[in-house]
Amino acid sequence: MAWGWFRGLFTSGGTRHEGLQVSFPSYATNAAAPVTVDTALQVSAVWACVRLLSESIASLPINVYRVENGVKTKAEDHPLSIIFDGKVNRWQNRMEFFETMTWQLALLGNAYAIIQRNNKEQIVGLLPLMSQQMEVRLLDDGTITYQYTDGTGVTVFSQKSIWHVKLMGNGIIGMSPLAYARNSIGIAAAAENRVSKIYSNGAKPAGVLMIDRLLSPEHRKKIKENFKELSEGDDDRLFVLEADMKYQQVSMSPQDIELLASRRFQIEDICRFFGVPSVLVNDREGTTVWGSGIQQIVQGFYKLGLRPYLERYEASMKQALLTPEERRNIEIEFDFNALT
């Protein structure tokens, strides 16, 4: 009965149901440019937001405490304390591991890691998995399975074997900021592409040559070949138009379409999706209601931007990485004071 009630919470919108869980909107218009992880990270505002969140969180020390009679002492002998003080897996230390986890969490709404255990069921490592290659499925009995696809095929993991950190969502999977911000990111990417094309073409607008008489196909081809540099290439030589020829620009210049203003607006719009003040990604014209001084802005970002991520990590680690017995007297905390 209880499971049936809970399951009913996830049946609206066409994306919350038994079976495959999705992190993207059920409806979206076509973006101005293709939006993938690779194309999105080529937009400087996206890169800066993801980098700021990832490096800020990864730089924080993690402490494992044992609580007895209300007194907290560091549990330096706990397996998680040993892992976070050294290598989290074969390839990564703590900072590298949390950078990998956080950029996926911030960009894709979900981060996954294999929980590696020894024959005593003690955790000996955490290995991050790529979120794009993971499928999350909700079974009829309420259990969750994780299907990971890589070069060797598909591997199915149980809920016990995967540490899954997620942003807000349907309770099973987090919503992807990349997917929901695809229109804003697409506009920014399209603007970048347009600027690149303009400058690779010597900033020359397209146009037409107007001649007050009919031309034969041969003359038309020859004139087009001789004067194509007017609107193509980066040759800045001087052209002389003869026989009453006139050149008419037909494409809009960057100023005509206010391209620069549009690009600046997209910085603010993208930052809103990631919860980062635009001034912290070097938008010097950005404004904020958090205060006029940079210290006030940074403190506001710590409280409203980073703390929810840290609280999310801590709650998730307690749930996925501790046994029911350990949850009674073991606490895992980021040292938030290290930011100040």
Protein backbone atom coordinates (compact mmCIF):
# COMPACT_ATOMS: atom_id res chain seq x y z
CA MET A 1 0.00 0.00 0.00
CA ALA A 2 2.75 2.41 0.97
CA TRP A 3 4.73 1.63 -2.18
CA GLY A 4 1.67 2.13 -4.37
CA TRP A 5 1.15 5.59 -2.86
CA PHE A 6 4.81 6.54 -3.38
CA ARG A 7 4.81 5.20 -6.92
CA GLY A 8 1.82 7.41 -7.69
CA LEU A 9 3.96 10.47 -7.08
CA PHE A 10 6.01 9.66 -10.16
CA THR A 11 3.43 9.11 -12.87
CA SER A 12 2.89 12.63 -14.20
CA GLY A 13 4.61 14.44 -17.03
CA GLY A 14 5.37 11.29 -19.02
CA THR A 15 8.86 10.98 -17.53
CA ARG A 16 8.22 9.69 -14.00
CA HIS A 17 7.04 6.10 -14.16
CA GLU A 18 8.18 2.56 -13.66
CA GLY A 19 10.98 1.55 -15.99
CA LEU A 20 13.53 3.89 -17.52
CA GLN A 21 13.90 7.21 -15.69
CA VAL A 22 14.83 10.30 -17.70
CA SER A 23 16.38 13.57 -16.59
CA PHE A 24 15.30 15.78 -19.48
CA PRO A 25 12.04 17.67 -20.17
CA SER A 26 9.23 15.82 -21.91
CA TYR A 27 8.87 18.68 -24.39
CA ALA A 28 11.42 21.09 -25.79
CA THR A 29 11.71 23.32 -28.83
CA ASN A 30 14.59 23.02 -31.25
CA ALA A 31 17.71 24.70 -29.91
CA ALA A 32 19.48 27.35 -31.99
CA ALA A 33 22.54 25.07 -32.14
CA PRO A 34 23.19 21.43 -31.19
CA VAL A 35 23.64 21.13 -27.41
CA THR A 36 25.73 18.29 -26.02
CA VAL A 37 28.19 18.09 -23.16
CA ASP A 38 31.03 18.89 -25.55
CA THR A 39 29.32 21.82 -27.29
CA ALA A 40 27.99 23.22 -24.02
CA LEU A 41 31.41 23.25 -22.37
CA GLN A 42 32.74 25.26 -25.32
CA VAL A 43 30.48 28.10 -24.16
CA SER A 44 32.64 30.02 -21.72
CA ALA A 45 29.81 30.76 -19.26
CA VAL A 46 28.95 27.06 -18.96
CA TRP A 47 32.60 26.09 -18.54
CA ALA A 48 33.15 28.79 -15.91
CA CYS A 49 30.06 27.85 -13.87
CA VAL A 50 30.82 24.13 -13.91
CA ARG A 51 34.49 24.72 -13.13
CA LEU A 52 33.69 27.08 -10.23
CA LEU A 53 31.28 24.63 -8.62
CA SER A 54 33.51 21.60 -9.18
CA GLU A 55 36.76 23.10 -7.95
CA SER A 56 35.18 24.87 -4.97
CA ILE A 57 33.55 21.68 -3.68
CA ALA A 58 36.51 19.43 -4.50
CA SER A 59 38.91 21.69 -2.62
CA LEU A 60 37.09 21.22 0.69
CA PRO A 61 38.45 18.71 3.21
CA ILE A 62 36.09 15.91 4.33
CA ASN A 63 35.97 14.76 7.93
CA VAL A 64 34.51 11.53 9.27
CA TYR A 65 33.37 11.80 12.89
CA ARG A 66 32.35 9.27 15.50
CA VAL A 67 29.71 10.64 17.86
CA GLU A 68 29.51 9.24 21.39
CA ASN A 69 27.43 10.83 24.13
CA GLY A 70 27.10 13.98 22.06
CA VAL A 71 30.87 14.34 21.64
CA LYS A 72 32.34 14.28 18.11
CA THR A 73 35.83 12.93 17.51
CA LYS A 74 37.54 12.28 14.21
CA ALA A 75 37.23 8.63 13.16
CA GLU A 76 40.59 8.43 11.40
CA ASP A 77 40.43 4.63 11.33
CA HIS A 78 37.11 4.56 9.44
CA PRO A 79 37.40 3.22 5.85
CA LEU A 80 35.92 6.41 4.37
CA SER A 81 38.36 8.57 6.31
CA ILE A 82 41.24 6.49 4.95
CA ILE A 83 39.89 6.74 1.39
CA PHE A 84 39.35 10.51 1.46
CA ASP A 85 42.79 11.11 2.99
CA GLY A 86 44.54 9.14 0.26
CA LYS A 87 43.44 7.68 -3.05
CA VAL A 88 39.73 7.35 -3.65
CA ASN A 89 40.39 4.88 -6.45
CA ARG A 90 43.31 3.61 -8.50
CA TRP A 91 43.54 6.81 -10.53
CA GLN A 92 42.18 9.69 -8.44
CA ASN A 93 42.77 11.45 -5.17
CA ARG A 94 39.94 13.13 -3.26
CA MET A 95 40.03 16.42 -5.17
CA GLU A 96 40.16 14.78 -8.59
CA PHE A 97 37.35 12.41 -7.64
CA PHE A 98 35.00 15.14 -6.43
CA GLU A 99 35.81 17.31 -9.44
CA THR A 100 34.65 14.46 -11.67
CA MET A 101 31.53 13.83 -9.59
CA THR A 102 30.58 17.50 -9.29
CA TRP A 103 30.94 18.54 -12.91
CA GLN A 104 28.60 15.72 -13.85
CA LEU A 105 26.22 16.59 -11.03
CA ALA A 106 26.20 20.30 -11.92
CA LEU A 107 25.88 19.76 -15.65
CA LEU A 108 23.80 16.57 -15.94
CA GLY A 109 21.94 16.50 -12.62
CA ASN A 110 23.29 13.08 -11.62
CA ALA A 111 26.64 11.65 -10.53
CA TYR A 112 27.42 7.96 -10.10
CA ALA A 113 30.25 5.98 -8.55
CA ILE A 114 30.84 2.25 -8.13
CA ILE A 115 31.20 1.34 -4.46
CA GLN A 116 34.20 -0.99 -4.31
CA ARG A 117 34.19 -3.37 -1.31
CA ASN A 118 36.54 -6.04 0.00
CA ASN A 119 35.52 -9.52 1.12
CA LYS A 120 34.59 -8.07 4.51
CA GLU A 121 32.11 -5.71 2.83
CA GLN A 122 34.25 -2.71 3.81
CA ILE A 123 34.46 0.14 1.29
CA VAL A 124 37.93 0.33 -0.23
CA GLY A 125 37.30 2.66 -3.16
CA LEU A 126 34.85 4.77 -5.15
CA LEU A 127 35.07 4.79 -8.94
CA PRO A 128 33.11 7.47 -10.85
CA LEU A 129 31.02 6.50 -13.85
CA MET A 130 29.98 8.74 -16.72
CA SER A 131 26.40 9.92 -16.25
CA GLN A 132 25.65 9.93 -19.98
CA GLN A 133 26.31 6.20 -20.13
CA MET A 134 24.01 5.29 -17.23
CA GLU A 135 20.37 4.26 -17.38
CA VAL A 136 18.32 4.21 -14.19
CA ARG A 137 15.33 1.88 -14.01
CA LEU A 138 12.61 1.68 -11.39
CA LEU A 139 11.24 -1.85 -11.02
CA ASP A 140 7.71 -2.91 -10.09
CA ASP A 141 8.70 -3.72 -6.51
CA GLY A 142 10.28 -0.31 -5.96
CA THR A 143 13.92 -1.34 -6.32
CA ILE A 144 16.28 0.57 -8.57
CA THR A 145 18.78 -0.87 -11.02
CA TYR A 146 21.59 0.90 -12.84
CA GLN A 147 22.56 -0.15 -16.37
CA TYR A 148 25.94 1.13 -17.50
CA THR A 149 27.09 0.95 -21.11
CA ASP A 150 30.77 1.10 -22.06
CA GLY A 151 33.08 -0.38 -24.65
CA THR A 152 32.66 -3.89 -23.24
CA GLY A 153 28.86 -3.89 -23.27
CA VAL A 154 26.15 -3.34 -20.67
CA THR A 155 26.68 -3.96 -16.95
CA VAL A 156 23.77 -4.02 -14.52
CA PHE A 157 24.42 -2.82 -10.97
CA SER A 158 22.21 -3.13 -7.92
CA GLN A 159 21.34 -0.15 -5.79
CA LYS A 160 23.81 -1.34 -3.14
CA SER A 161 26.72 -1.15 -5.58
CA ILE A 162 26.18 2.42 -6.83
CA TRP A 163 26.52 5.72 -5.03
CA HIS A 164 24.05 7.99 -6.82
CA VAL A 165 24.05 11.71 -6.07
CA LYS A 166 21.24 13.66 -7.70
CA LEU A 167 19.87 17.18 -7.97
CA MET A 168 16.19 17.99 -7.55
CA GLY A 169 13.98 15.66 -9.53
CA ASN A 170 11.39 12.96 -9.10
CA GLY A 171 13.16 11.28 -6.19
CA ILE A 172 14.66 8.57 -8.40
CA ILE A 173 16.74 10.66 -10.79
CA GLY A 174 17.81 14.31 -10.89
CA MET A 175 16.85 16.78 -13.57
CA SER A 176 19.63 17.77 -15.96
CA PRO A 177 20.51 21.50 -16.01
CA LEU A 178 22.07 20.91 -19.44
CA ALA A 179 18.80 19.55 -20.81
CA TYR A 180 16.62 22.26 -19.31
CA ALA A 181 19.01 25.06 -20.29
CA ARG A 182 19.48 23.76 -23.85
CA ASN A 183 17.70 26.73 -25.44
CA SER A 184 19.81 29.29 -23.57
CA ILE A 185 23.01 27.35 -24.19
CA GLY A 186 22.02 26.82 -27.82
CA ILE A 187 21.58 30.56 -28.36
CA ALA A 188 24.97 31.22 -26.80
CA ALA A 189 26.59 28.52 -28.93
CA ALA A 190 24.89 29.84 -32.07
CA ALA A 191 26.15 33.33 -31.28
CA GLU A 192 29.68 31.99 -30.84
CA ASN A 193 29.43 30.17 -34.16
CA ARG A 194 28.13 33.31 -35.87
CA VAL A 195 30.97 35.43 -34.52
CA SER A 196 33.50 32.78 -35.59
CA LYS A 197 32.09 32.76 -39.12
CA ILE A 198 32.09 36.54 -39.31
CA TYR A 199 35.72 36.88 -38.27
CA SER A 200 36.93 33.89 -40.27
CA ASN A 201 35.45 35.72 -43.25
CA GLY A 202 37.34 38.91 -42.46
CA ALA A 203 34.15 40.36 -40.89
CA LYS A 204 32.72 40.85 -44.39
CA PRO A 205 28.93 40.81 -44.85
CA ALA A 206 27.30 38.92 -47.68
CA GLY A 207 25.94 41.01 -50.55
CA VAL A 208 25.01 41.26 -54.21
CA LEU A 209 26.55 42.99 -57.20
CA MET A 210 23.93 44.99 -59.10
CA ILE A 211 24.45 45.57 -62.86
CA ASP A 212 21.94 47.41 -65.07
CA ARG A 213 22.10 44.99 -68.00
CA LEU A 214 21.62 41.30 -68.73
CA LEU A 215 24.65 39.05 -68.51
CA SER A 216 25.45 35.83 -70.29
CA PRO A 217 26.17 32.77 -68.12
CA GLU A 218 29.85 33.11 -68.95
CA HIS A 219 29.98 36.78 -67.90
CA ARG A 220 28.00 36.01 -64.74
CA LYS A 221 30.41 33.25 -63.75
CA LYS A 222 33.48 35.40 -64.47
CA ILE A 223 32.20 38.40 -62.49
CA LYS A 224 31.25 36.19 -59.56
CA GLU A 225 34.71 34.67 -59.54
CA ASN A 226 36.51 38.02 -59.81
CA PHE A 227 34.54 39.75 -57.06
CA LYS A 228 33.80 36.95 -54.59
CA GLU A 229 36.44 38.41 -52.28
CA LEU A 230 34.02 41.26 -51.58
CA SER A 231 32.12 38.99 -49.21
CA GLU A 232 34.38 35.96 -48.82
CA GLY A 233 37.86 35.33 -47.47
CA ASP A 234 40.12 37.67 -45.53
CA ASP A 235 41.61 39.60 -48.44
CA ASP A 236 41.29 43.35 -47.77
CA ARG A 237 42.47 44.59 -51.16
CA LEU A 238 40.69 47.50 -52.84
CA PHE A 239 38.12 46.62 -55.51
CA VAL A 240 37.13 48.91 -58.39
CA LEU A 241 33.59 48.40 -59.69
CA GLU A 242 33.10 49.22 -63.36
CA ALA A 243 30.18 49.67 -65.75
CA ASP A 244 27.81 51.11 -63.14
CA MET A 245 28.21 48.10 -60.86
CA LYS A 246 26.96 48.58 -57.31
CA TYR A 247 27.57 46.41 -54.26
CA GLN A 248 24.65 45.99 -51.85
CA GLN A 249 25.06 44.37 -48.44
CA VAL A 250 22.27 41.87 -47.73
CA SER A 251 23.28 40.26 -44.43
CA MET A 252 23.09 41.93 -41.05
CA SER A 253 26.26 42.95 -39.28
CA PRO A 254 26.91 42.00 -35.65
CA GLN A 255 25.89 45.53 -34.69
CA ASP A 256 22.63 45.25 -36.65
CA ILE A 257 21.51 42.20 -34.71
CA GLU A 258 23.01 43.43 -31.40
CA LEU A 259 25.07 40.28 -31.20
CA LEU A 260 27.30 41.51 -28.41
CA ALA A 261 24.35 42.50 -26.23
CA SER A 262 22.75 39.14 -26.87
CA ARG A 263 25.90 37.29 -25.85
CA ARG A 264 26.09 39.22 -22.58
CA PHE A 265 22.49 38.43 -21.75
CA GLN A 266 23.17 34.73 -22.33
CA ILE A 267 25.92 34.81 -19.70
CA GLU A 268 23.40 35.96 -17.09
CA ASP A 269 20.78 33.49 -18.31
CA ILE A 270 23.16 30.52 -18.17
CA CYS A 271 24.40 31.54 -14.72
CA ARG A 272 20.80 31.50 -13.47
CA PHE A 273 20.49 27.82 -14.42
CA PHE A 274 23.64 26.95 -12.47
CA GLY A 275 22.95 29.19 -9.49
CA VAL A 276 26.19 31.14 -9.93
CA PRO A 277 26.37 34.96 -9.75
CA SER A 278 27.54 36.12 -13.17
CA VAL A 279 30.13 38.40 -11.60
CA LEU A 280 31.94 35.29 -10.32
CA VAL A 281 32.49 34.08 -13.88
CA ASN A 282 34.19 37.36 -14.83
CA ASP A 283 31.06 39.15 -16.04
CA ARG A 284 32.22 42.57 -14.91
CA GLU A 285 28.99 44.25 -15.93
CA GLY A 286 26.89 41.80 -13.94
CA THR A 287 24.73 43.02 -11.12
CA THR A 288 23.38 41.17 -8.12
CA VAL A 289 20.87 41.67 -5.35
CA TRP A 290 23.14 39.88 -2.89
CA GLY A 291 25.14 42.99 -2.14
CA SER A 292 27.41 45.47 -3.81
CA GLY A 293 30.72 44.20 -2.43
CA ILE A 294 32.53 41.16 -3.76
CA GLN A 295 32.76 39.72 -0.24
CA GLN A 296 28.98 39.84 0.14
CA ILE A 297 28.55 38.21 -3.26
CA VAL A 298 30.99 35.42 -2.43
CA GLN A 299 29.37 34.78 0.96
CA GLY A 300 25.97 34.66 -0.68
CA PHE A 301 27.26 32.16 -3.22
CA TYR A 302 28.70 30.00 -0.46
CA LYS A 303 25.36 29.87 1.36
CA LEU A 304 22.93 29.68 -1.56
CA GLY A 305 25.10 28.06 -4.22
CA LEU A 306 27.59 25.69 -2.58
CA ARG A 307 25.93 24.69 0.69
CA PRO A 308 23.00 22.88 -0.98
CA TYR A 309 25.53 20.79 -2.95
CA LEU A 310 27.48 19.97 0.21
CA GLU A 311 24.34 19.07 2.17
CA ARG A 312 23.25 16.89 -0.73
CA TYR A 313 26.61 15.09 -0.78
CA GLU A 314 26.64 14.57 2.99
CA ALA A 315 23.11 13.15 3.12
CA SER A 316 23.81 10.92 0.14
CA MET A 317 27.07 9.59 1.62
CA LYS A 318 25.33 8.78 4.89
CA GLN A 319 22.61 6.89 3.07
CA ALA A 320 24.74 5.02 0.50
CA LEU A 321 28.18 4.63 2.10
CA LEU A 322 27.35 3.86 5.73
CA THR A 323 25.71 0.76 7.17
CA PRO A 324 22.50 1.14 9.19
CA GLU A 325 24.52 0.65 12.37
CA GLU A 326 27.10 3.28 11.38
CA ARG A 327 24.42 5.85 10.64
CA ARG A 328 23.69 5.99 14.37
CA ASN A 329 27.08 7.33 15.40
CA ILE A 330 29.08 8.21 12.25
CA GLU A 331 28.85 11.61 10.55
CA ILE A 332 30.52 12.77 7.34
CA GLU A 333 31.01 16.50 6.89
CA PHE A 334 32.75 18.84 4.47
CA ASP A 335 34.85 21.44 6.23
CA PHE A 336 32.82 24.42 5.06
CA ASN A 337 35.00 26.80 7.10
CA ALA A 338 37.87 26.10 4.71
CA LEU A 339 36.13 28.41 2.22
CA THR A 340 36.52 31.48 4.42
